[in-house]
Amino acid sequence: MTEATRGPETNQVDALWERFKASADENARERLILHYSPLVKYVAGRVGAGLPRSVDHNDLASYGLFGLIDAIDKFELERGFKFETYAINRIKGAILDELRALDWVPRSVRSRARQIETAIAELEHNLQRAPTDQELAETLEMEVEDLQGALAEIGRSGIAALDEFVGSDSSTSMGDMLADPAGVSPETVFQAEETRHGLVDAINRLPQRERLVVTLYYYEGMTLAEIGDVLGVTESRVCQIHAKTMMSLRNRLGEPSWG
């Protein structure tokens, strides 16, 4: 892409990045924060879409702003990755971290999530494939409609998300697999790479519909409603599929259940 086709705004942003990374220029940093601030509103709106009304979206944006600032400080230009992709995961991670710290998810939801995840693990071991909703409901001695309602509630709570368990600790997010914070050890880089390969393999072994939901949501940035349009199902159904898929991935990656 030539300088002429990149446009003046892109060139100005590139110049800000160069100034900030070369000399930690505070003015350049503030202008970068302002330039990318719409990402915070986008992610906060997306995360908050399925949350209870008691959760203030302005609070979500405040949490996300810290994620944006952290992303700008730690982003490595030389790695050649797109900043927006890295920042979105950092922003989302900051919001989810704060929500987890507030422990706003009812204990009943966490308890039901553990029950469903345990049943999924047992069925996948016995069947050597992902269980159907009917099989899962029978194991849990529930009606299919009740199971789907529980999955939708778990999905809306945000406790079943890829960012929740992709790394070896709670501070690792999807973004960490795209660009590493400055000063990380070779062991950390190796662990992140191993986790990434394991995650990719686990996703590739999902049934086609579940794999499509993960790809569209996490890698294409589509909303649950948009994915529903693609699949020809309701947003609530996509939420159910997403929550169930996250539990399946957690089991395949050998991660522990919720506390």
C-alpha atoms as a PDB file:
ATOM      1  CA  MET A   1       0.000   0.000   0.000  1.00  0.00           C
ATOM      2  CA  THR A   2       1.456   3.348  -1.007  1.00  0.00           C
ATOM      3  CA  GLU A   3       1.490   6.496   1.102  1.00  0.00           C
ATOM      4  CA  ALA A   4      -1.117   8.002  -1.233  1.00  0.00           C
ATOM      5  CA  THR A   5      -3.572   5.120  -0.824  1.00  0.00           C
ATOM      6  CA  ARG A   6      -3.133   4.822   2.956  1.00  0.00           C
ATOM      7  CA  GLY A   7      -4.681   8.228   3.556  1.00  0.00           C
ATOM      8  CA  PRO A   8      -3.591  11.144   5.772  1.00  0.00           C
ATOM      9  CA  GLU A   9      -5.296   9.853   8.943  1.00  0.00           C
ATOM     10  CA  THR A  10      -3.544   6.481   8.743  1.00  0.00           C
ATOM     11  CA  ASN A  11      -0.218   8.199   8.231  1.00  0.00           C
ATOM     12  CA  GLN A  12      -0.849  10.470  11.224  1.00  0.00           C
ATOM     13  CA  VAL A  13      -1.673   7.491  13.448  1.00  0.00           C
ATOM     14  CA  ASP A  14       1.467   5.699  12.281  1.00  0.00           C
ATOM     15  CA  ALA A  15       3.482   8.786  13.178  1.00  0.00           C
ATOM     16  CA  LEU A  16       1.908   8.876  16.650  1.00  0.00           C
ATOM     17  CA  TRP A  17       2.826   5.243  17.201  1.00  0.00           C
ATOM     18  CA  GLU A  18       6.405   5.889  16.164  1.00  0.00           C
ATOM     19  CA  ARG A  19       6.681   8.905  18.475  1.00  0.00           C
ATOM     20  CA  PHE A  20       5.184   7.088  21.425  1.00  0.00           C
ATOM     21  CA  LYS A  21       7.234   3.916  21.071  1.00  0.00           C
ATOM     22  CA  ALA A  22      10.456   5.824  20.393  1.00  0.00           C
ATOM     23  CA  SER A  23      10.272   8.284  23.289  1.00  0.00           C
ATOM     24  CA  ALA A  24       7.191   7.455  25.433  1.00  0.00           C
ATOM     25  CA  ASP A  25       5.767  10.823  24.360  1.00  0.00           C
ATOM     26  CA  GLU A  26       2.740  11.454  26.614  1.00  0.00           C
ATOM     27  CA  ASN A  27       1.002  13.676  24.092  1.00  0.00           C
ATOM     28  CA  ALA A  28       1.248  10.953  21.433  1.00  0.00           C
ATOM     29  CA  ARG A  29      -0.057   8.413  23.970  1.00  0.00           C
ATOM     30  CA  GLU A  30      -3.086  10.577  24.820  1.00  0.00           C
ATOM     31  CA  ARG A  31      -3.861  11.106  21.138  1.00  0.00           C
ATOM     32  CA  LEU A  32      -3.654   7.358  20.507  1.00  0.00           C
ATOM     33  CA  ILE A  33      -6.058   6.720  23.396  1.00  0.00           C
ATOM     34  CA  LEU A  34      -8.472   9.273  21.954  1.00  0.00           C
ATOM     35  CA  HIS A  35      -8.158   7.826  18.441  1.00  0.00           C
ATOM     36  CA  TYR A  36      -8.904   4.261  19.544  1.00  0.00           C
ATOM     37  CA  SER A  37     -11.494   5.117  22.207  1.00  0.00           C
ATOM     38  CA  PRO A  38     -14.424   4.059  19.936  1.00  0.00           C
ATOM     39  CA  LEU A  39     -13.146   0.493  20.364  1.00  0.00           C
ATOM     40  CA  VAL A  40     -13.990   0.725  24.072  1.00  0.00           C
ATOM     41  CA  LYS A  41     -17.577   1.737  23.335  1.00  0.00           C
ATOM     42  CA  TYR A  42     -17.880  -1.068  20.780  1.00  0.00           C
ATOM     43  CA  VAL A  43     -16.585  -3.773  23.125  1.00  0.00           C
ATOM     44  CA  ALA A  44     -18.521  -2.485  26.149  1.00  0.00           C
ATOM     45  CA  GLY A  45     -21.721  -2.528  24.109  1.00  0.00           C
ATOM     46  CA  ARG A  46     -21.026  -6.023  22.876  1.00  0.00           C
ATOM     47  CA  VAL A  47     -20.189  -7.419  26.317  1.00  0.00           C
ATOM     48  CA  GLY A  48     -23.083  -5.615  27.952  1.00  0.00           C
ATOM     49  CA  ALA A  49     -25.698  -6.663  25.392  1.00  0.00           C
ATOM     50  CA  GLY A  50     -26.731  -9.771  27.303  1.00  0.00           C
ATOM     51  CA  LEU A  51     -26.022  -8.591  30.847  1.00  0.00           C
ATOM     52  CA  PRO A  52     -28.692  -7.660  33.404  1.00  0.00           C
ATOM     53  CA  ARG A  53     -29.922  -4.084  33.330  1.00  0.00           C
ATOM     54  CA  SER A  54     -28.359  -3.539  36.745  1.00  0.00           C
ATOM     55  CA  VAL A  55     -24.932  -3.569  35.059  1.00  0.00           C
ATOM     56  CA  ASP A  56     -24.147   0.025  34.027  1.00  0.00           C
ATOM     57  CA  HIS A  57     -22.714   0.213  30.520  1.00  0.00           C
ATOM     58  CA  ASN A  58     -20.801   3.356  31.477  1.00  0.00           C
ATOM     59  CA  ASP A  59     -19.025   1.288  34.119  1.00  0.00           C
ATOM     60  CA  LEU A  60     -18.161  -1.309  31.501  1.00  0.00           C
ATOM     61  CA  ALA A  61     -16.655   1.413  29.325  1.00  0.00           C
ATOM     62  CA  SER A  62     -14.602   2.657  32.275  1.00  0.00           C
ATOM     63  CA  TYR A  63     -13.219  -0.830  32.874  1.00  0.00           C
ATOM     64  CA  GLY A  64     -12.522  -1.207  29.173  1.00  0.00           C
ATOM     65  CA  LEU A  65     -10.604   2.062  28.987  1.00  0.00           C
ATOM     66  CA  PHE A  66      -7.965   0.592  31.299  1.00  0.00           C
ATOM     67  CA  GLY A  67      -7.680  -2.318  28.863  1.00  0.00           C
ATOM     68  CA  LEU A  68      -7.159   0.072  25.955  1.00  0.00           C
ATOM     69  CA  ILE A  69      -4.450   1.995  27.793  1.00  0.00           C
ATOM     70  CA  ASP A  70      -2.735  -1.276  28.707  1.00  0.00           C
ATOM     71  CA  ALA A  71      -2.913  -2.397  25.066  1.00  0.00           C
ATOM     72  CA  ILE A  72      -1.359   0.839  23.815  1.00  0.00           C
ATOM     73  CA  ASP A  73       1.446   0.621  26.376  1.00  0.00           C
ATOM     74  CA  LYS A  74       2.269  -3.027  25.621  1.00  0.00           C
ATOM     75  CA  PHE A  75       1.643  -3.278  21.873  1.00  0.00           C
ATOM     76  CA  GLU A  76       4.724  -4.192  19.856  1.00  0.00           C
ATOM     77  CA  LEU A  77       4.801  -2.506  16.453  1.00  0.00           C
ATOM     78  CA  GLU A  78       7.590  -4.715  15.150  1.00  0.00           C
ATOM     79  CA  ARG A  79       5.464  -7.853  15.425  1.00  0.00           C
ATOM     80  CA  GLY A  80       3.333  -6.653  12.527  1.00  0.00           C
ATOM     81  CA  PHE A  81      -0.059  -7.487  14.040  1.00  0.00           C
ATOM     82  CA  LYS A  82      -3.140  -5.315  13.706  1.00  0.00           C
ATOM     83  CA  PHE A  83      -3.547  -3.187  16.818  1.00  0.00           C
ATOM     84  CA  GLU A  84      -7.347  -3.218  16.748  1.00  0.00           C
ATOM     85  CA  THR A  85      -7.436  -7.012  17.088  1.00  0.00           C
ATOM     86  CA  TYR A  86      -5.025  -6.932  20.006  1.00  0.00           C
ATOM     87  CA  ALA A  87      -6.809  -4.022  21.701  1.00  0.00           C
ATOM     88  CA  ILE A  88     -10.295  -5.504  21.438  1.00  0.00           C
ATOM     89  CA  ASN A  89      -9.172  -8.598  23.320  1.00  0.00           C
ATOM     90  CA  ARG A  90      -7.368  -6.514  25.945  1.00  0.00           C
ATOM     91  CA  ILE A  91     -10.427  -4.286  26.421  1.00  0.00           C
ATOM     92  CA  LYS A  92     -12.748  -7.246  26.709  1.00  0.00           C
ATOM     93  CA  GLY A  93     -10.375  -8.957  29.108  1.00  0.00           C
ATOM     94  CA  ALA A  94     -10.264  -5.886  31.346  1.00  0.00           C
ATOM     95  CA  ILE A  95     -14.062  -5.710  31.450  1.00  0.00           C
ATOM     96  CA  LEU A  96     -14.436  -9.421  32.218  1.00  0.00           C
ATOM     97  CA  ASP A  97     -11.723  -9.254  34.885  1.00  0.00           C
ATOM     98  CA  GLU A  98     -13.573  -6.460  36.655  1.00  0.00           C
ATOM     99  CA  LEU A  99     -16.901  -8.256  36.417  1.00  0.00           C
ATOM    100  CA  ARG A 100     -15.310 -11.387  37.874  1.00  0.00           C
ATOM    101  CA  ALA A 101     -13.756  -9.325  40.677  1.00  0.00           C
ATOM    102  CA  LEU A 102     -17.197  -7.919  41.503  1.00  0.00           C
ATOM    103  CA  ASP A 103     -18.516 -11.508  41.500  1.00  0.00           C
ATOM    104  CA  TRP A 104     -21.863 -10.341  40.166  1.00  0.00           C
ATOM    105  CA  VAL A 105     -22.792 -13.742  38.680  1.00  0.00           C
ATOM    106  CA  PRO A 106     -25.300 -15.495  40.974  1.00  0.00           C
ATOM    107  CA  ARG A 107     -24.015 -18.618  42.714  1.00  0.00           C
ATOM    108  CA  SER A 108     -26.895 -20.572  41.245  1.00  0.00           C
ATOM    109  CA  VAL A 109     -25.633 -19.815  37.726  1.00  0.00           C
ATOM    110  CA  ARG A 110     -22.078 -20.869  38.594  1.00  0.00           C
ATOM    111  CA  SER A 111     -23.358 -24.035  40.238  1.00  0.00           C
ATOM    112  CA  ARG A 112     -25.471 -24.960  37.220  1.00  0.00           C
ATOM    113  CA  ALA A 113     -22.511 -24.205  34.928  1.00  0.00           C
ATOM    114  CA  ARG A 114     -20.365 -26.670  36.875  1.00  0.00           C
ATOM    115  CA  GLN A 115     -23.068 -29.345  36.659  1.00  0.00           C
ATOM    116  CA  ILE A 116     -23.502 -28.940  32.923  1.00  0.00           C
ATOM    117  CA  GLU A 117     -19.761 -28.848  32.269  1.00  0.00           C
ATOM    118  CA  THR A 118     -19.251 -32.068  34.267  1.00  0.00           C
ATOM    119  CA  ALA A 119     -22.018 -33.780  32.306  1.00  0.00           C
ATOM    120  CA  ILE A 120     -20.518 -32.615  28.992  1.00  0.00           C
ATOM    121  CA  ALA A 121     -17.122 -34.001  30.003  1.00  0.00           C
ATOM    122  CA  GLU A 122     -18.603 -37.396  30.920  1.00  0.00           C
ATOM    123  CA  LEU A 123     -20.646 -37.644  27.742  1.00  0.00           C
ATOM    124  CA  GLU A 124     -17.777 -36.603  25.481  1.00  0.00           C
ATOM    125  CA  HIS A 125     -15.603 -39.245  27.137  1.00  0.00           C
ATOM    126  CA  ASN A 126     -18.223 -41.954  26.683  1.00  0.00           C
ATOM    127  CA  LEU A 127     -19.482 -40.954  23.245  1.00  0.00           C
ATOM    128  CA  GLN A 128     -16.179 -39.670  21.804  1.00  0.00           C
ATOM    129  CA  ARG A 129     -18.094 -36.754  20.313  1.00  0.00           C
ATOM    130  CA  ALA A 130     -20.002 -33.680  21.417  1.00  0.00           C
ATOM    131  CA  PRO A 131     -23.332 -34.629  23.033  1.00  0.00           C
ATOM    132  CA  THR A 132     -26.639 -33.399  21.662  1.00  0.00           C
ATOM    133  CA  ASP A 133     -28.874 -31.217  23.784  1.00  0.00           C
ATOM    134  CA  GLN A 134     -31.214 -34.181  24.205  1.00  0.00           C
ATOM    135  CA  GLU A 135     -28.421 -36.448  25.490  1.00  0.00           C
ATOM    136  CA  LEU A 136     -27.151 -33.753  27.811  1.00  0.00           C
ATOM    137  CA  ALA A 137     -30.628 -33.029  29.158  1.00  0.00           C
ATOM    138  CA  GLU A 138     -31.269 -36.725  29.861  1.00  0.00           C
ATOM    139  CA  THR A 139     -27.984 -37.025  31.749  1.00  0.00           C
ATOM    140  CA  LEU A 140     -28.869 -34.000  33.857  1.00  0.00           C
ATOM    141  CA  GLU A 141     -32.456 -35.222  34.257  1.00  0.00           C
ATOM    142  CA  MET A 142     -33.775 -31.990  32.804  1.00  0.00           C
ATOM    143  CA  GLU A 143     -36.136 -31.016  30.053  1.00  0.00           C
ATOM    144  CA  VAL A 144     -34.358 -29.839  26.893  1.00  0.00           C
ATOM    145  CA  GLU A 145     -36.067 -26.454  27.183  1.00  0.00           C
ATOM    146  CA  ASP A 146     -34.786 -26.027  30.747  1.00  0.00           C
ATOM    147  CA  LEU A 147     -31.268 -26.986  29.671  1.00  0.00           C
ATOM    148  CA  GLN A 148     -31.324 -24.475  26.838  1.00  0.00           C
ATOM    149  CA  GLY A 149     -32.593 -21.801  29.190  1.00  0.00           C
ATOM    150  CA  ALA A 150     -29.744 -22.528  31.602  1.00  0.00           C
ATOM    151  CA  LEU A 151     -27.188 -22.407  28.785  1.00  0.00           C
ATOM    152  CA  ALA A 152     -28.562 -19.064  27.624  1.00  0.00           C
ATOM    153  CA  GLU A 153     -28.281 -17.669  31.164  1.00  0.00           C
ATOM    154  CA  ILE A 154     -24.701 -18.935  31.461  1.00  0.00           C
ATOM    155  CA  GLY A 155     -23.858 -17.454  28.070  1.00  0.00           C
ATOM    156  CA  ARG A 156     -25.289 -14.070  28.998  1.00  0.00           C
ATOM    157  CA  SER A 157     -23.340 -14.038  32.257  1.00  0.00           C
ATOM    158  CA  GLY A 158     -20.050 -13.997  30.372  1.00  0.00           C
ATOM    159  CA  ILE A 159     -18.482 -16.725  32.555  1.00  0.00           C
ATOM    160  CA  ALA A 160     -18.271 -19.073  29.577  1.00  0.00           C
ATOM    161  CA  ALA A 161     -15.981 -17.146  27.261  1.00  0.00           C
ATOM    162  CA  LEU A 162     -12.856 -18.026  25.357  1.00  0.00           C
ATOM    163  CA  ASP A 163     -10.927 -15.277  27.134  1.00  0.00           C
ATOM    164  CA  GLU A 164     -11.706 -16.991  30.439  1.00  0.00           C
ATOM    165  CA  PHE A 165      -9.418 -19.944  29.967  1.00  0.00           C
ATOM    166  CA  VAL A 166      -7.103 -19.668  26.966  1.00  0.00           C
ATOM    167  CA  GLY A 167      -3.986 -19.122  29.057  1.00  0.00           C
ATOM    168  CA  SER A 168      -2.260 -20.629  32.041  1.00  0.00           C
ATOM    169  CA  ASP A 169      -3.482 -17.847  34.306  1.00  0.00           C
ATOM    170  CA  SER A 170      -6.390 -15.437  34.505  1.00  0.00           C
ATOM    171  CA  SER A 171      -4.346 -12.561  33.111  1.00  0.00           C
ATOM    172  CA  THR A 172      -3.865 -14.228  29.722  1.00  0.00           C
ATOM    173  CA  SER A 173      -6.326 -13.362  26.972  1.00  0.00           C
ATOM    174  CA  MET A 174      -6.813 -14.105  23.307  1.00  0.00           C
ATOM    175  CA  GLY A 175      -4.893 -10.915  22.622  1.00  0.00           C
ATOM    176  CA  ASP A 176      -1.809 -12.291  24.361  1.00  0.00           C
ATOM    177  CA  MET A 177      -1.599 -14.901  21.631  1.00  0.00           C
ATOM    178  CA  LEU A 178      -1.378 -12.164  19.003  1.00  0.00           C
ATOM    179  CA  ALA A 179       1.216  -9.956  20.679  1.00  0.00           C
ATOM    180  CA  ASP A 180       3.139 -10.574  23.862  1.00  0.00           C
ATOM    181  CA  PRO A 181       3.672  -7.971  26.618  1.00  0.00           C
ATOM    182  CA  ALA A 182       7.163  -6.524  26.758  1.00  0.00           C
ATOM    183  CA  GLY A 183       9.642  -8.388  28.864  1.00  0.00           C
ATOM    184  CA  VAL A 184       8.017 -11.834  28.868  1.00  0.00           C
ATOM    185  CA  SER A 185      10.232 -14.846  29.338  1.00  0.00           C
ATOM    186  CA  PRO A 186      10.902 -17.456  26.628  1.00  0.00           C
ATOM    187  CA  GLU A 187       9.010 -19.967  28.788  1.00  0.00           C
ATOM    188  CA  THR A 188       5.916 -17.767  28.756  1.00  0.00           C
ATOM    189  CA  VAL A 189       6.140 -17.343  24.989  1.00  0.00           C
ATOM    190  CA  PHE A 190       6.473 -21.106  24.576  1.00  0.00           C
ATOM    191  CA  GLN A 191       3.492 -21.795  26.863  1.00  0.00           C
ATOM    192  CA  ALA A 192       1.351 -19.277  24.979  1.00  0.00           C
ATOM    193  CA  GLU A 193       2.302 -20.891  21.663  1.00  0.00           C
ATOM    194  CA  GLU A 194       1.524 -24.363  23.008  1.00  0.00           C
ATOM    195  CA  THR A 195      -1.837 -23.122  24.287  1.00  0.00           C
ATOM    196  CA  ARG A 196      -2.598 -21.521  20.930  1.00  0.00           C
ATOM    197  CA  HIS A 197      -1.877 -24.741  19.059  1.00  0.00           C
ATOM    198  CA  GLY A 198      -3.978 -26.729  21.528  1.00  0.00           C
ATOM    199  CA  LEU A 199      -6.839 -24.267  21.197  1.00  0.00           C
ATOM    200  CA  VAL A 200      -6.747 -24.315  17.399  1.00  0.00           C
ATOM    201  CA  ASP A 201      -6.767 -28.120  17.417  1.00  0.00           C
ATOM    202  CA  ALA A 202      -9.679 -28.231  19.879  1.00  0.00           C
ATOM    203  CA  ILE A 203     -11.689 -25.745  17.782  1.00  0.00           C
ATOM    204  CA  ASN A 204     -11.020 -27.697  14.594  1.00  0.00           C
ATOM    205  CA  ARG A 205     -12.431 -30.836  16.208  1.00  0.00           C
ATOM    206  CA  LEU A 206     -15.716 -29.152  17.101  1.00  0.00           C
ATOM    207  CA  PRO A 207     -18.874 -29.970  15.128  1.00  0.00           C
ATOM    208  CA  GLN A 208     -19.294 -27.645  12.148  1.00  0.00           C
ATOM    209  CA  ARG A 209     -21.977 -25.385  13.640  1.00  0.00           C
ATOM    210  CA  GLU A 210     -20.114 -24.923  16.941  1.00  0.00           C
ATOM    211  CA  ARG A 211     -16.866 -24.249  15.084  1.00  0.00           C
ATOM    212  CA  LEU A 212     -18.608 -21.638  12.955  1.00  0.00           C
ATOM    213  CA  VAL A 213     -20.001 -19.858  16.022  1.00  0.00           C
ATOM    214  CA  VAL A 214     -16.539 -19.640  17.612  1.00  0.00           C
ATOM    215  CA  THR A 215     -14.934 -18.441  14.382  1.00  0.00           C
ATOM    216  CA  LEU A 216     -17.546 -15.781  13.642  1.00  0.00           C
ATOM    217  CA  TYR A 217     -17.693 -14.486  17.222  1.00  0.00           C
ATOM    218  CA  TYR A 218     -14.033 -14.438  18.227  1.00  0.00           C
ATOM    219  CA  TYR A 219     -12.219 -14.075  14.929  1.00  0.00           C
ATOM    220  CA  GLU A 220     -14.673 -12.186  12.715  1.00  0.00           C
ATOM    221  CA  GLY A 221     -16.049  -9.955  15.479  1.00  0.00           C
ATOM    222  CA  MET A 222     -19.706 -10.657  14.684  1.00  0.00           C
ATOM    223  CA  THR A 223     -22.420 -10.228  17.313  1.00  0.00           C
ATOM    224  CA  LEU A 224     -24.572 -13.121  18.481  1.00  0.00           C
ATOM    225  CA  ALA A 225     -27.517 -11.617  16.621  1.00  0.00           C
ATOM    226  CA  GLU A 226     -25.511 -11.425  13.385  1.00  0.00           C
ATOM    227  CA  ILE A 227     -24.386 -15.028  13.815  1.00  0.00           C
ATOM    228  CA  GLY A 228     -28.019 -15.999  14.352  1.00  0.00           C
ATOM    229  CA  ASP A 229     -28.875 -14.462  10.988  1.00  0.00           C
ATOM    230  CA  VAL A 230     -26.111 -16.516   9.354  1.00  0.00           C
ATOM    231  CA  LEU A 231     -27.262 -19.762  10.982  1.00  0.00           C
ATOM    232  CA  GLY A 232     -30.970 -19.042  10.661  1.00  0.00           C
ATOM    233  CA  VAL A 233     -31.597 -19.289  14.422  1.00  0.00           C
ATOM    234  CA  THR A 234     -32.395 -16.853  17.218  1.00  0.00           C
ATOM    235  CA  GLU A 235     -29.790 -14.857  19.121  1.00  0.00           C
ATOM    236  CA  SER A 236     -30.756 -16.802  22.259  1.00  0.00           C
ATOM    237  CA  ARG A 237     -30.015 -20.090  20.486  1.00  0.00           C
ATOM    238  CA  VAL A 238     -26.578 -18.830  19.432  1.00  0.00           C
ATOM    239  CA  CYS A 239     -25.956 -17.842  23.056  1.00  0.00           C
ATOM    240  CA  GLN A 240     -26.806 -21.414  24.117  1.00  0.00           C
ATOM    241  CA  ILE A 241     -24.525 -22.937  21.466  1.00  0.00           C
ATOM    242  CA  HIS A 242     -21.711 -20.596  22.477  1.00  0.00           C
ATOM    243  CA  ALA A 243     -21.951 -21.446  26.190  1.00  0.00           C
ATOM    244  CA  LYS A 244     -22.070 -25.196  25.542  1.00  0.00           C
ATOM    245  CA  THR A 245     -19.142 -24.956  23.122  1.00  0.00           C
ATOM    246  CA  MET A 246     -17.007 -23.055  25.627  1.00  0.00           C
ATOM    247  CA  MET A 247     -17.588 -25.807  28.183  1.00  0.00           C
ATOM    248  CA  SER A 248     -16.596 -28.423  25.641  1.00  0.00           C
ATOM    249  CA  LEU A 249     -13.402 -26.531  24.785  1.00  0.00           C
ATOM    250  CA  ARG A 250     -12.577 -26.136  28.465  1.00  0.00           C
ATOM    251  CA  ASN A 251     -12.801 -29.899  28.925  1.00  0.00           C
ATOM    252  CA  ARG A 252     -10.704 -30.609  25.830  1.00  0.00           C
ATOM    253  CA  LEU A 253      -8.006 -28.225  26.979  1.00  0.00           C
ATOM    254  CA  GLY A 254      -7.984 -29.743  30.439  1.00  0.00           C
ATOM    255  CA  GLU A 255      -8.811 -26.524  32.243  1.00  0.00           C
ATOM    256  CA  PRO A 256     -10.438 -26.624  35.710  1.00  0.00           C
ATOM    257  CA  SER A 257     -14.088 -25.796  36.306  1.00  0.00           C
ATOM    258  CA  TRP A 258     -15.352 -22.582  37.844  1.00  0.00           C
ATOM    259  CA  GLY A 259     -14.802 -22.022  41.539  1.00  0.00           C
END
